[in-house]
C-alpha atoms as a PDB file:
ATOM      1  CA  UNK A   1    -147.781 -48.314-144.235  1.00  0.00           C
ATOM      2  CA  UNK A   2    -150.880 -47.794-142.054  1.00  0.00           C
ATOM      3  CA  UNK A   3    -154.059 -47.219-143.978  1.00  0.00           C
ATOM      4  CA  UNK A   4    -156.218 -44.147-143.571  1.00  0.00           C
ATOM      5  CA  UNK A   5    -159.574 -44.099-145.290  1.00  0.00           C
ATOM      6  CA  UNK A   6    -159.667 -41.469-148.027  1.00  0.00           C
ATOM      7  CA  UNK A   7    -163.183 -41.972-149.299  1.00  0.00           C
ATOM      8  CA  UNK A   8    -166.528 -42.725-147.721  1.00  0.00           C
ATOM      9  CA  UNK A   9    -167.805 -46.249-148.356  1.00  0.00           C
ATOM     10  CA  UNK A  10    -171.400 -47.015-149.239  1.00  0.00           C
ATOM     11  CA  UNK A  11    -173.546 -45.861-146.332  1.00  0.00           C
ATOM     12  CA  UNK A  12    -174.434 -48.730-143.967  1.00  0.00           C
ATOM     13  CA  UNK A  13    -177.673 -48.935-142.020  1.00  0.00           C
ATOM     14  CA  UNK A  14    -175.657 -48.358-138.874  1.00  0.00           C
ATOM     15  CA  UNK A  15    -172.091 -48.489-137.638  1.00  0.00           C
ATOM     16  CA  UNK A  16    -170.918 -51.953-136.671  1.00  0.00           C
ATOM     17  CA  UNK A  17    -169.807 -52.948-133.194  1.00  0.00           C
ATOM     18  CA  UNK A  18    -166.680 -55.071-132.761  1.00  0.00           C
ATOM     19  CA  UNK A  19    -166.501 -57.627-129.946  1.00  0.00           C
ATOM     20  CA  UNK A  20    -162.914 -57.498-128.656  1.00  0.00           C
ATOM     21  CA  UNK A  21    -163.433 -59.844-125.690  1.00  0.00           C
ATOM     22  CA  UNK A  22    -160.967 -62.386-127.100  1.00  0.00           C
ATOM     23  CA  UNK A  23    -158.396 -59.922-128.407  1.00  0.00           C
ATOM     24  CA  UNK A  24    -155.063 -60.295-126.570  1.00  0.00           C
ATOM     25  CA  UNK A  25    -153.508 -57.413-124.673  1.00  0.00           C
ATOM     26  CA  UNK A  26    -150.877 -55.616-126.765  1.00  0.00           C
ATOM     27  CA  UNK A  27    -149.525 -53.114-124.255  1.00  0.00           C
ATOM     28  CA  UNK A  28    -150.520 -50.333-121.910  1.00  0.00           C
ATOM     29  CA  UNK A  29    -151.121 -46.719-122.909  1.00  0.00           C
ATOM     30  CA  UNK A  30    -149.996 -44.137-120.356  1.00  0.00           C
ATOM     31  CA  UNK A  31    -150.820 -40.931-122.222  1.00  0.00           C
ATOM     32  CA  UNK A  32    -154.040 -39.193-121.247  1.00  0.00           C
ATOM     33  CA  UNK A  33    -156.264 -39.567-118.200  1.00  0.00           C
ATOM     34  CA  UNK A  34    -158.982 -41.888-119.519  1.00  0.00           C
ATOM     35  CA  UNK A  35    -158.816 -45.688-119.150  1.00  0.00           C
ATOM     36  CA  UNK A  36    -157.391 -47.304-122.274  1.00  0.00           C
ATOM     37  CA  UNK A  37    -155.182 -50.155-123.446  1.00  0.00           C
ATOM     38  CA  UNK A  38    -153.775 -51.634-126.625  1.00  0.00           C
ATOM     39  CA  UNK A  39    -155.341 -54.790-128.047  1.00  0.00           C
ATOM     40  CA  UNK A  40    -154.275 -56.909-131.003  1.00  0.00           C
ATOM     41  CA  UNK A  41    -156.689 -58.092-133.668  1.00  0.00           C
ATOM     42  CA  UNK A  42    -156.085 -61.865-133.733  1.00  0.00           C
ATOM     43  CA  UNK A  43    -156.871 -62.046-137.459  1.00  0.00           C
ATOM     44  CA  UNK A  44    -154.940 -59.107-138.910  1.00  0.00           C
ATOM     45  CA  UNK A  45    -152.309 -58.717-136.199  1.00  0.00           C
ATOM     46  CA  UNK A  46    -152.987 -54.949-136.088  1.00  0.00           C
ATOM     47  CA  UNK A  47    -152.920 -53.052-132.822  1.00  0.00           C
ATOM     48  CA  UNK A  48    -155.997 -51.081-131.797  1.00  0.00           C
ATOM     49  CA  UNK A  49    -156.311 -48.711-128.839  1.00  0.00           C
ATOM     50  CA  UNK A  50    -159.386 -49.532-126.748  1.00  0.00           C
ATOM     51  CA  UNK A  51    -160.783 -46.463-124.987  1.00  0.00           C
ATOM     52  CA  UNK A  52    -163.525 -47.230-122.502  1.00  0.00           C
ATOM     53  CA  UNK A  53    -166.674 -45.211-121.947  1.00  0.00           C
ATOM     54  CA  UNK A  54    -166.341 -43.147-118.774  1.00  0.00           C
ATOM     55  CA  UNK A  55    -168.981 -41.898-116.345  1.00  0.00           C
ATOM     56  CA  UNK A  56    -170.085 -38.466-115.255  1.00  0.00           C
ATOM     57  CA  UNK A  57    -171.999 -37.461-112.128  1.00  0.00           C
ATOM     58  CA  UNK A  58    -175.083 -35.241-112.055  1.00  0.00           C
ATOM     59  CA  UNK A  59    -176.090 -32.775-109.323  1.00  0.00           C
ATOM     60  CA  UNK A  60    -177.965 -35.516-107.456  1.00  0.00           C
ATOM     61  CA  UNK A  61    -174.806 -37.602-107.263  1.00  0.00           C
ATOM     62  CA  UNK A  62    -176.018 -40.227-109.730  1.00  0.00           C
ATOM     63  CA  UNK A  63    -173.533 -41.523-112.274  1.00  0.00           C
ATOM     64  CA  UNK A  64    -174.359 -41.893-115.955  1.00  0.00           C
ATOM     65  CA  UNK A  65    -172.207 -42.914-118.953  1.00  0.00           C
ATOM     66  CA  UNK A  66    -170.738 -40.211-121.144  1.00  0.00           C
ATOM     67  CA  UNK A  67    -170.842 -40.489-124.916  1.00  0.00           C
ATOM     68  CA  UNK A  68    -167.092 -40.981-125.376  1.00  0.00           C
ATOM     69  CA  UNK A  69    -167.743 -43.815-127.813  1.00  0.00           C
ATOM     70  CA  UNK A  70    -170.386 -42.410-130.138  1.00  0.00           C
ATOM     71  CA  UNK A  71    -168.908 -38.887-130.210  1.00  0.00           C
ATOM     72  CA  UNK A  72    -165.595 -40.299-131.423  1.00  0.00           C
ATOM     73  CA  UNK A  73    -167.301 -42.487-134.013  1.00  0.00           C
ATOM     74  CA  UNK A  74    -169.483 -39.659-135.323  1.00  0.00           C
ATOM     75  CA  UNK A  75    -166.497 -37.305-135.596  1.00  0.00           C
ATOM     76  CA  UNK A  76    -164.638 -39.974-137.556  1.00  0.00           C
ATOM     77  CA  UNK A  77    -167.586 -40.280-139.937  1.00  0.00           C
ATOM     78  CA  UNK A  78    -167.648 -36.516-140.460  1.00  0.00           C
ATOM     79  CA  UNK A  79    -163.900 -36.489-141.139  1.00  0.00           C
ATOM     80  CA  UNK A  80    -164.306 -39.082-143.880  1.00  0.00           C
ATOM     81  CA  UNK A  81    -167.079 -37.074-145.490  1.00  0.00           C
ATOM     82  CA  UNK A  82    -164.792 -34.062-145.625  1.00  0.00           C
ATOM     83  CA  UNK A  83    -161.829 -36.048-146.962  1.00  0.00           C
ATOM     84  CA  UNK A  84    -159.817 -35.374-143.802  1.00  0.00           C
ATOM     85  CA  UNK A  85    -157.226 -38.061-142.935  1.00  0.00           C
ATOM     86  CA  UNK A  86    -158.404 -39.620-139.675  1.00  0.00           C
ATOM     87  CA  UNK A  87    -157.440 -42.571-137.528  1.00  0.00           C
ATOM     88  CA  UNK A  88    -159.849 -45.432-138.228  1.00  0.00           C
ATOM     89  CA  UNK A  89    -162.268 -46.093-135.357  1.00  0.00           C
ATOM     90  CA  UNK A  90    -164.945 -48.656-134.557  1.00  0.00           C
ATOM     91  CA  UNK A  91    -167.477 -49.032-131.786  1.00  0.00           C
ATOM     92  CA  UNK A  92    -166.348 -51.844-129.500  1.00  0.00           C
ATOM     93  CA  UNK A  93    -167.623 -54.035-126.682  1.00  0.00           C
ATOM     94  CA  UNK A  94    -165.629 -56.171-124.272  1.00  0.00           C
ATOM     95  CA  UNK A  95    -167.173 -58.877-122.086  1.00  0.00           C
ATOM     96  CA  UNK A  96    -165.533 -60.088-118.896  1.00  0.00           C
ATOM     97  CA  UNK A  97    -167.514 -62.676-117.003  1.00  0.00           C
ATOM     98  CA  UNK A  98    -170.940 -61.176-116.434  1.00  0.00           C
ATOM     99  CA  UNK A  99    -169.767 -57.625-117.119  1.00  0.00           C
ATOM    100  CA  UNK A 100    -169.952 -55.761-120.412  1.00  0.00           C
ATOM    101  CA  UNK A 101    -167.805 -52.733-121.214  1.00  0.00           C
ATOM    102  CA  UNK A 102    -168.453 -50.330-124.060  1.00  0.00           C
ATOM    103  CA  UNK A 103    -165.841 -48.243-125.784  1.00  0.00           C
ATOM    104  CA  UNK A 104    -164.214 -47.249-129.039  1.00  0.00           C
ATOM    105  CA  UNK A 105    -161.198 -48.822-130.718  1.00  0.00           C
ATOM    106  CA  UNK A 106    -158.786 -46.793-132.812  1.00  0.00           C
ATOM    107  CA  UNK A 107    -156.349 -48.499-135.175  1.00  0.00           C
ATOM    108  CA  UNK A 108    -152.677 -47.693-134.643  1.00  0.00           C
ATOM    109  CA  UNK A 109    -151.440 -45.119-137.144  1.00  0.00           C
ATOM    110  CA  UNK A 110    -147.805 -46.255-137.061  1.00  0.00           C
ATOM    111  CA  UNK A 111    -146.320 -48.863-139.365  1.00  0.00           C
ATOM    112  CA  UNK A 112    -145.935 -52.320-137.759  1.00  0.00           C
ATOM    113  CA  UNK A 113    -142.602 -53.219-136.171  1.00  0.00           C
ATOM    114  CA  UNK A 114    -140.054 -54.907-138.426  1.00  0.00           C
ATOM    115  CA  UNK A 115    -139.262 -58.628-138.346  1.00  0.00           C
ATOM    116  CA  UNK A 116    -136.894 -58.071-135.408  1.00  0.00           C
ATOM    117  CA  UNK A 117    -139.534 -56.259-133.358  1.00  0.00           C
ATOM    118  CA  UNK A 118    -138.009 -52.829-133.869  1.00  0.00           C
ATOM    119  CA  UNK A 119    -140.110 -49.714-134.355  1.00  0.00           C
ATOM    120  CA  UNK A 120    -140.227 -48.387-137.906  1.00  0.00           C
ATOM    121  CA  UNK A 121    -141.990 -45.195-136.919  1.00  0.00           C
ATOM    122  CA  UNK A 122    -142.525 -43.057-133.846  1.00  0.00           C
ATOM    123  CA  UNK A 123    -145.326 -40.686-132.879  1.00  0.00           C
ATOM    124  CA  UNK A 124    -144.147 -37.228-131.810  1.00  0.00           C
ATOM    125  CA  UNK A 125    -146.769 -35.177-129.982  1.00  0.00           C
ATOM    126  CA  UNK A 126    -147.362 -31.607-131.054  1.00  0.00           C
ATOM    127  CA  UNK A 127    -146.044 -30.236-127.775  1.00  0.00           C
ATOM    128  CA  UNK A 128    -142.584 -31.548-128.633  1.00  0.00           C
ATOM    129  CA  UNK A 129    -142.647 -29.737-131.968  1.00  0.00           C
ATOM    130  CA  UNK A 130    -143.755 -26.285-130.885  1.00  0.00           C
ATOM    131  CA  UNK A 131    -141.100 -23.547-130.871  1.00  0.00           C
ATOM    132  CA  UNK A 132    -141.613 -23.173-127.110  1.00  0.00           C
ATOM    133  CA  UNK A 133    -143.035 -26.386-125.614  1.00  0.00           C
ATOM    134  CA  UNK A 134    -145.741 -25.803-123.037  1.00  0.00           C
ATOM    135  CA  UNK A 135    -145.743 -27.108-119.504  1.00  0.00           C
ATOM    136  CA  UNK A 136    -148.637 -28.035-117.256  1.00  0.00           C
ATOM    137  CA  UNK A 137    -151.976 -26.465-118.206  1.00  0.00           C
ATOM    138  CA  UNK A 138    -150.444 -23.317-119.685  1.00  0.00           C
ATOM    139  CA  UNK A 139    -151.793 -22.254-123.086  1.00  0.00           C
ATOM    140  CA  UNK A 140    -149.587 -19.201-123.516  1.00  0.00           C
ATOM    141  CA  UNK A 141    -147.794 -19.557-126.825  1.00  0.00           C
ATOM    142  CA  UNK A 142    -150.107 -22.241-128.161  1.00  0.00           C
ATOM    143  CA  UNK A 143    -151.148 -20.330-131.265  1.00  0.00           C
ATOM    144  CA  UNK A 144    -151.873 -21.077-134.903  1.00  0.00           C
ATOM    145  CA  UNK A 145    -148.680 -19.282-135.886  1.00  0.00           C
ATOM    146  CA  UNK A 146    -146.672 -21.554-133.589  1.00  0.00           C
ATOM    147  CA  UNK A 147    -148.265 -24.681-135.048  1.00  0.00           C
ATOM    148  CA  UNK A 148    -147.640 -23.480-138.595  1.00  0.00           C
ATOM    149  CA  UNK A 149    -143.951 -22.979-137.794  1.00  0.00           C
ATOM    150  CA  UNK A 150    -143.803 -26.424-136.177  1.00  0.00           C
ATOM    151  CA  UNK A 151    -145.104 -28.047-139.360  1.00  0.00           C
ATOM    152  CA  UNK A 152    -142.534 -26.511-141.693  1.00  0.00           C
ATOM    153  CA  UNK A 153    -140.714 -29.369-143.420  1.00  0.00           C
ATOM    154  CA  UNK A 154    -143.342 -31.927-142.405  1.00  0.00           C
ATOM    155  CA  UNK A 155    -145.104 -33.925-145.120  1.00  0.00           C
ATOM    156  CA  UNK A 156    -148.917 -34.017-145.204  1.00  0.00           C
ATOM    157  CA  UNK A 157    -150.766 -36.998-143.742  1.00  0.00           C
ATOM    158  CA  UNK A 158    -151.312 -40.098-145.848  1.00  0.00           C
ATOM    159  CA  UNK A 159    -154.496 -39.841-147.955  1.00  0.00           C
ATOM    160  CA  UNK A 160    -154.620 -36.043-147.700  1.00  0.00           C
ATOM    161  CA  UNK A 161    -155.998 -34.260-150.764  1.00  0.00           C
ATOM    162  CA  UNK A 162    -153.296 -33.749-153.371  1.00  0.00           C
ATOM    163  CA  UNK A 163    -151.391 -30.490-153.356  1.00  0.00           C
ATOM    164  CA  UNK A 164    -151.832 -29.650-149.666  1.00  0.00           C
ATOM    165  CA  UNK A 165    -149.094 -29.021-147.117  1.00  0.00           C
ATOM    166  CA  UNK A 166    -149.082 -30.394-143.584  1.00  0.00           C
ATOM    167  CA  UNK A 167    -150.294 -27.012-142.353  1.00  0.00           C
ATOM    168  CA  UNK A 168    -153.146 -27.039-144.889  1.00  0.00           C
ATOM    169  CA  UNK A 169    -154.214 -30.455-143.609  1.00  0.00           C
ATOM    170  CA  UNK A 170    -153.995 -29.298-139.993  1.00  0.00           C
ATOM    171  CA  UNK A 171    -156.349 -26.467-140.929  1.00  0.00           C
ATOM    172  CA  UNK A 172    -158.733 -29.198-142.084  1.00  0.00           C
ATOM    173  CA  UNK A 173    -158.463 -30.803-138.637  1.00  0.00           C
ATOM    174  CA  UNK A 174    -159.590 -27.500-137.142  1.00  0.00           C
ATOM    175  CA  UNK A 175    -162.535 -27.381-139.567  1.00  0.00           C
ATOM    176  CA  UNK A 176    -163.560 -30.805-138.265  1.00  0.00           C
ATOM    177  CA  UNK A 177    -163.228 -29.548-134.683  1.00  0.00           C
ATOM    178  CA  UNK A 178    -165.423 -26.570-135.509  1.00  0.00           C
ATOM    179  CA  UNK A 179    -168.164 -28.735-136.990  1.00  0.00           C
ATOM    180  CA  UNK A 180    -168.412 -31.233-134.136  1.00  0.00           C
ATOM    181  CA  UNK A 181    -167.556 -28.735-131.412  1.00  0.00           C
ATOM    182  CA  UNK A 182    -164.363 -30.529-130.366  1.00  0.00           C
ATOM    183  CA  UNK A 183    -162.945 -28.594-127.416  1.00  0.00           C
ATOM    184  CA  UNK A 184    -159.859 -30.747-126.819  1.00  0.00           C
ATOM    185  CA  UNK A 185    -157.362 -30.028-129.632  1.00  0.00           C
ATOM    186  CA  UNK A 186    -154.606 -29.417-127.114  1.00  0.00           C
ATOM    187  CA  UNK A 187    -150.933 -29.681-127.952  1.00  0.00           C
ATOM    188  CA  UNK A 188    -150.822 -33.450-127.406  1.00  0.00           C
ATOM    189  CA  UNK A 189    -153.962 -34.199-129.430  1.00  0.00           C
ATOM    190  CA  UNK A 190    -152.174 -33.903-132.742  1.00  0.00           C
ATOM    191  CA  UNK A 191    -148.853 -35.368-133.765  1.00  0.00           C
ATOM    192  CA  UNK A 192    -146.221 -36.009-136.399  1.00  0.00           C
ATOM    193  CA  UNK A 193    -145.029 -39.463-137.441  1.00  0.00           C
ATOM    194  CA  UNK A 194    -141.264 -39.819-137.633  1.00  0.00           C
ATOM    195  CA  UNK A 195    -139.986 -42.477-140.030  1.00  0.00           C
ATOM    196  CA  UNK A 196    -136.422 -43.426-140.860  1.00  0.00           C
ATOM    197  CA  UNK A 197    -135.945 -40.501-143.207  1.00  0.00           C
ATOM    198  CA  UNK A 198    -139.065 -38.335-143.103  1.00  0.00           C
ATOM    199  CA  UNK A 199    -141.663 -36.600-140.986  1.00  0.00           C
ATOM    200  CA  UNK A 200    -145.345 -36.563-141.842  1.00  0.00           C
ATOM    201  CA  UNK A 201    -148.447 -35.284-140.122  1.00  0.00           C
ATOM    202  CA  UNK A 202    -150.372 -37.991-138.311  1.00  0.00           C
ATOM    203  CA  UNK A 203    -154.050 -38.426-139.162  1.00  0.00           C
ATOM    204  CA  UNK A 204    -156.371 -36.597-136.806  1.00  0.00           C
ATOM    205  CA  UNK A 205    -157.365 -38.498-133.674  1.00  0.00           C
ATOM    206  CA  UNK A 206    -159.092 -38.221-130.301  1.00  0.00           C
ATOM    207  CA  UNK A 207    -162.315 -36.284-130.906  1.00  0.00           C
ATOM    208  CA  UNK A 208    -164.445 -37.575-128.032  1.00  0.00           C
ATOM    209  CA  UNK A 209    -164.879 -34.149-126.415  1.00  0.00           C
ATOM    210  CA  UNK A 210    -167.571 -33.210-128.931  1.00  0.00           C
ATOM    211  CA  UNK A 211    -171.305 -32.893-129.516  1.00  0.00           C
ATOM    212  CA  UNK A 212    -172.296 -32.552-125.871  1.00  0.00           C
ATOM    213  CA  UNK A 213    -170.936 -36.001-125.067  1.00  0.00           C
ATOM    214  CA  UNK A 214    -170.706 -35.312-121.327  1.00  0.00           C
ATOM    215  CA  UNK A 215    -174.312 -34.192-120.783  1.00  0.00           C
ATOM    216  CA  UNK A 216    -176.945 -36.430-119.273  1.00  0.00           C
ATOM    217  CA  UNK A 217    -180.049 -37.225-121.278  1.00  0.00           C
ATOM    218  CA  UNK A 218    -182.104 -35.202-118.782  1.00  0.00           C
ATOM    219  CA  UNK A 219    -179.927 -32.157-119.454  1.00  0.00           C
ATOM    220  CA  UNK A 220    -180.180 -32.694-123.206  1.00  0.00           C
ATOM    221  CA  UNK A 221    -183.951 -33.068-123.042  1.00  0.00           C
ATOM    222  CA  UNK A 222    -184.282 -29.794-121.134  1.00  0.00           C
ATOM    223  CA  UNK A 223    -182.203 -27.974-123.734  1.00  0.00           C
ATOM    224  CA  UNK A 224    -184.081 -29.572-126.623  1.00  0.00           C
ATOM    225  CA  UNK A 225    -187.479 -28.478-125.262  1.00  0.00           C
ATOM    226  CA  UNK A 226    -186.630 -25.094-123.771  1.00  0.00           C
ATOM    227  CA  UNK A 227    -188.096 -21.808-124.986  1.00  0.00           C
ATOM    228  CA  UNK A 228    -185.092 -19.968-123.548  1.00  0.00           C
ATOM    229  CA  UNK A 229    -182.865 -19.052-126.495  1.00  0.00           C
ATOM    230  CA  UNK A 230    -179.856 -18.953-124.182  1.00  0.00           C
ATOM    231  CA  UNK A 231    -180.289 -22.590-123.149  1.00  0.00           C
ATOM    232  CA  UNK A 232    -180.773 -24.371-126.475  1.00  0.00           C
ATOM    233  CA  UNK A 233    -178.366 -26.810-128.149  1.00  0.00           C
ATOM    234  CA  UNK A 234    -177.425 -23.925-130.440  1.00  0.00           C
ATOM    235  CA  UNK A 235    -176.521 -21.760-127.445  1.00  0.00           C
ATOM    236  CA  UNK A 236    -174.497 -24.653-126.060  1.00  0.00           C
ATOM    237  CA  UNK A 237    -172.635 -24.867-129.378  1.00  0.00           C
ATOM    238  CA  UNK A 238    -171.951 -21.132-129.352  1.00  0.00           C
ATOM    239  CA  UNK A 239    -170.232 -21.287-125.957  1.00  0.00           C
ATOM    240  CA  UNK A 240    -167.571 -23.850-126.937  1.00  0.00           C
ATOM    241  CA  UNK A 241    -163.923 -22.961-126.430  1.00  0.00           C
ATOM    242  CA  UNK A 242    -160.662 -24.403-127.731  1.00  0.00           C
ATOM    243  CA  UNK A 243    -157.484 -25.003-125.692  1.00  0.00           C
ATOM    244  CA  UNK A 244    -155.432 -22.559-127.769  1.00  0.00           C
ATOM    245  CA  UNK A 245    -154.136 -19.308-126.303  1.00  0.00           C
ATOM    246  CA  UNK A 246    -157.013 -17.025-125.223  1.00  0.00           C
ATOM    247  CA  UNK A 247    -159.410 -20.006-125.682  1.00  0.00           C
ATOM    248  CA  UNK A 248    -161.069 -18.946-128.964  1.00  0.00           C
ATOM    249  CA  UNK A 249    -164.205 -20.681-130.200  1.00  0.00           C
ATOM    250  CA  UNK A 250    -163.334 -23.637-132.484  1.00  0.00           C
ATOM    251  CA  UNK A 251    -165.144 -21.859-135.340  1.00  0.00           C
ATOM    252  CA  UNK A 252    -163.087 -18.694-134.891  1.00  0.00           C
ATOM    253  CA  UNK A 253    -159.948 -20.816-134.755  1.00  0.00           C
ATOM    254  CA  UNK A 254    -160.789 -22.733-137.935  1.00  0.00           C
ATOM    255  CA  UNK A 255    -161.734 -19.542-139.772  1.00  0.00           C
ATOM    256  CA  UNK A 256    -158.449 -17.901-138.835  1.00  0.00           C
ATOM    257  CA  UNK A 257    -156.495 -20.992-139.883  1.00  0.00           C
ATOM    258  CA  UNK A 258    -158.182 -20.979-143.286  1.00  0.00           C
ATOM    259  CA  UNK A 259    -157.259 -17.320-143.738  1.00  0.00           C
ATOM    260  CA  UNK A 260    -153.634 -18.366-143.195  1.00  0.00           C
ATOM    261  CA  UNK A 261    -153.910 -20.801-146.154  1.00  0.00           C
ATOM    262  CA  UNK A 262    -154.115 -20.297-149.900  1.00  0.00           C
ATOM    263  CA  UNK A 263    -157.619 -19.864-151.317  1.00  0.00           C
ATOM    264  CA  UNK A 264    -157.696 -23.343-152.860  1.00  0.00           C
ATOM    265  CA  UNK A 265    -157.197 -24.845-149.402  1.00  0.00           C
ATOM    266  CA  UNK A 266    -160.218 -23.011-148.055  1.00  0.00           C
ATOM    267  CA  UNK A 267    -162.214 -24.225-151.055  1.00  0.00           C
ATOM    268  CA  UNK A 268    -161.062 -27.810-150.426  1.00  0.00           C
ATOM    269  CA  UNK A 269    -162.326 -27.897-146.860  1.00  0.00           C
ATOM    270  CA  UNK A 270    -165.307 -25.597-147.042  1.00  0.00           C
ATOM    271  CA  UNK A 271    -166.852 -27.156-150.147  1.00  0.00           C
ATOM    272  CA  UNK A 272    -167.587 -30.204-148.040  1.00  0.00           C
ATOM    273  CA  UNK A 273    -169.449 -28.101-145.489  1.00  0.00           C
ATOM    274  CA  UNK A 274    -172.150 -26.947-147.861  1.00  0.00           C
ATOM    275  CA  UNK A 275    -174.272 -30.095-147.485  1.00  0.00           C
ATOM    276  CA  UNK A 276    -175.200 -30.182-143.803  1.00  0.00           C
ATOM    277  CA  UNK A 277    -177.538 -33.146-144.290  1.00  0.00           C
ATOM    278  CA  UNK A 278    -174.633 -35.235-145.532  1.00  0.00           C
ATOM    279  CA  UNK A 279    -172.349 -34.143-142.705  1.00  0.00           C
ATOM    280  CA  UNK A 280    -174.814 -34.966-139.916  1.00  0.00           C
ATOM    281  CA  UNK A 281    -175.602 -38.388-141.380  1.00  0.00           C
ATOM    282  CA  UNK A 282    -173.094 -40.199-139.102  1.00  0.00           C
ATOM    283  CA  UNK A 283    -175.294 -39.265-136.130  1.00  0.00           C
ATOM    284  CA  UNK A 284    -178.057 -41.484-137.527  1.00  0.00           C
ATOM    285  CA  UNK A 285    -175.651 -44.401-138.076  1.00  0.00           C
ATOM    286  CA  UNK A 286    -174.867 -44.980-134.399  1.00  0.00           C
ATOM    287  CA  UNK A 287    -176.904 -47.945-133.053  1.00  0.00           C
ATOM    288  CA  UNK A 288    -179.762 -47.077-130.708  1.00  0.00           C
ATOM    289  CA  UNK A 289    -178.220 -48.986-127.799  1.00  0.00           C
ATOM    290  CA  UNK A 290    -175.107 -46.782-128.000  1.00  0.00           C
ATOM    291  CA  UNK A 291    -176.695 -43.361-128.507  1.00  0.00           C
ATOM    292  CA  UNK A 292    -180.048 -42.238-127.108  1.00  0.00           C
ATOM    293  CA  UNK A 293    -182.597 -40.241-129.060  1.00  0.00           C
ATOM    294  CA  UNK A 294    -182.011 -37.048-126.989  1.00  0.00           C
ATOM    295  CA  UNK A 295    -178.264 -37.400-127.611  1.00  0.00           C
ATOM    296  CA  UNK A 296    -178.923 -37.872-131.325  1.00  0.00           C
ATOM    297  CA  UNK A 297    -181.186 -34.830-131.627  1.00  0.00           C
ATOM    298  CA  UNK A 298    -178.858 -32.685-129.534  1.00  0.00           C
ATOM    299  CA  UNK A 299    -175.764 -33.650-131.555  1.00  0.00           C
ATOM    300  CA  UNK A 300    -177.490 -32.954-134.863  1.00  0.00           C
ATOM    301  CA  UNK A 301    -178.599 -29.497-133.783  1.00  0.00           C
ATOM    302  CA  UNK A 302    -175.116 -28.659-132.532  1.00  0.00           C
ATOM    303  CA  UNK A 303    -173.569 -29.740-135.833  1.00  0.00           C
ATOM    304  CA  UNK A 304    -176.067 -27.827-137.946  1.00  0.00           C
ATOM    305  CA  UNK A 305    -175.477 -24.697-135.899  1.00  0.00           C
ATOM    306  CA  UNK A 306    -171.717 -25.042-136.209  1.00  0.00           C
ATOM    307  CA  UNK A 307    -171.937 -25.707-139.931  1.00  0.00           C
ATOM    308  CA  UNK A 308    -174.044 -22.578-140.522  1.00  0.00           C
ATOM    309  CA  UNK A 309    -171.705 -20.400-138.466  1.00  0.00           C
ATOM    310  CA  UNK A 310    -168.551 -21.794-140.065  1.00  0.00           C
ATOM    311  CA  UNK A 311    -169.878 -21.116-143.564  1.00  0.00           C
ATOM    312  CA  UNK A 312    -170.728 -17.539-142.563  1.00  0.00           C
ATOM    313  CA  UNK A 313    -167.503 -16.735-140.718  1.00  0.00           C
ATOM    314  CA  UNK A 314    -165.060 -18.319-143.156  1.00  0.00           C
ATOM    315  CA  UNK A 315    -166.069 -16.157-146.109  1.00  0.00           C
END
C-alpha cells in the first residue's frame, strides 16, 4: 500500500531538495495544463510526478518564475501538522546539459503494479463521482452537498484520524485550503482510489495555487509595505475564491463543511489551527534559493490572516 505520512517528523533546518536528473522517465501525465511527467526513483522503484515551475508575465512583459514548487511544499507541511492525509512531496531539481529546472515531485498514491505489470488500483477523479458530472468550466452543481453524496460508501484515506468518514476527511482538505488560500479545489483536484474490492478517498494533492504563488516579488513588496488597508497581504487573502458553485471564499466553504460534520470532526481539524506559529513554520523551512524573503513574509501573513478568520467563522 502507498504510504502517507501521518505524523510530523522532527523539524529539519530546511526542506531537502532532490536531484532527479538521473531518474528514468516513467510515463507521461496528460491531466492538467502545467508541464509534468512521471519519473522513477532508481533506488526504491517508486513513481513520482515531477511538476515543473512555470512562469508568469508582469505588466512590462517580463517573465518571472511562479512559486509552484514552494507553495506545494508548504501546503504539504501544513497538512502534516494538521494530521491531514496528503500526497508526499519534495522539492526537486533536474539538470539537462547546462540548464537547471526547478519543480516539485509528488509520490504516486496508488499501489505499485503487480508482478505481471497490471494495475492494482485506479484513481477516479471527483468529477466522475459527482451525481451530475460537470463539463467544461461550469461550476453549477459543484456543491458540498454533491460531494458529500459522492463520498457515501467510500472509505477514508489511509492515515486519516480514527473514527472519521471520507466526508469528514474531505472537510479537513477544505480546512487546509482555507489556511493556505488554495483556490483550485476543482472537481478533478480530489479523487477516490478504486481497489479490487473497495473505494477509499485519495490523500489530498495539488495545492500549488496558494499563498500568492503567482505574484512577482515586486508586487509582494508593494503589498507588504503599503499603508492602504485594501492592498495588504491580508486584503489579498480576503479576496480568495474557490471553484465551487457561486465561488465562495475557501474559509466560508470550510466553515460550512465543518457544520455538515459531527462536532468531534470540527474539534479534530480546528484544534490544530489554534497554534498559528506552528502552522506557518513550513514557510521558514523552504531554502532561500527556492523562496524569496518577500514571498516568505507575504505567505506567512496570508496564512495568519486565514487562520484567524477560520477560527472566528467556524465557531
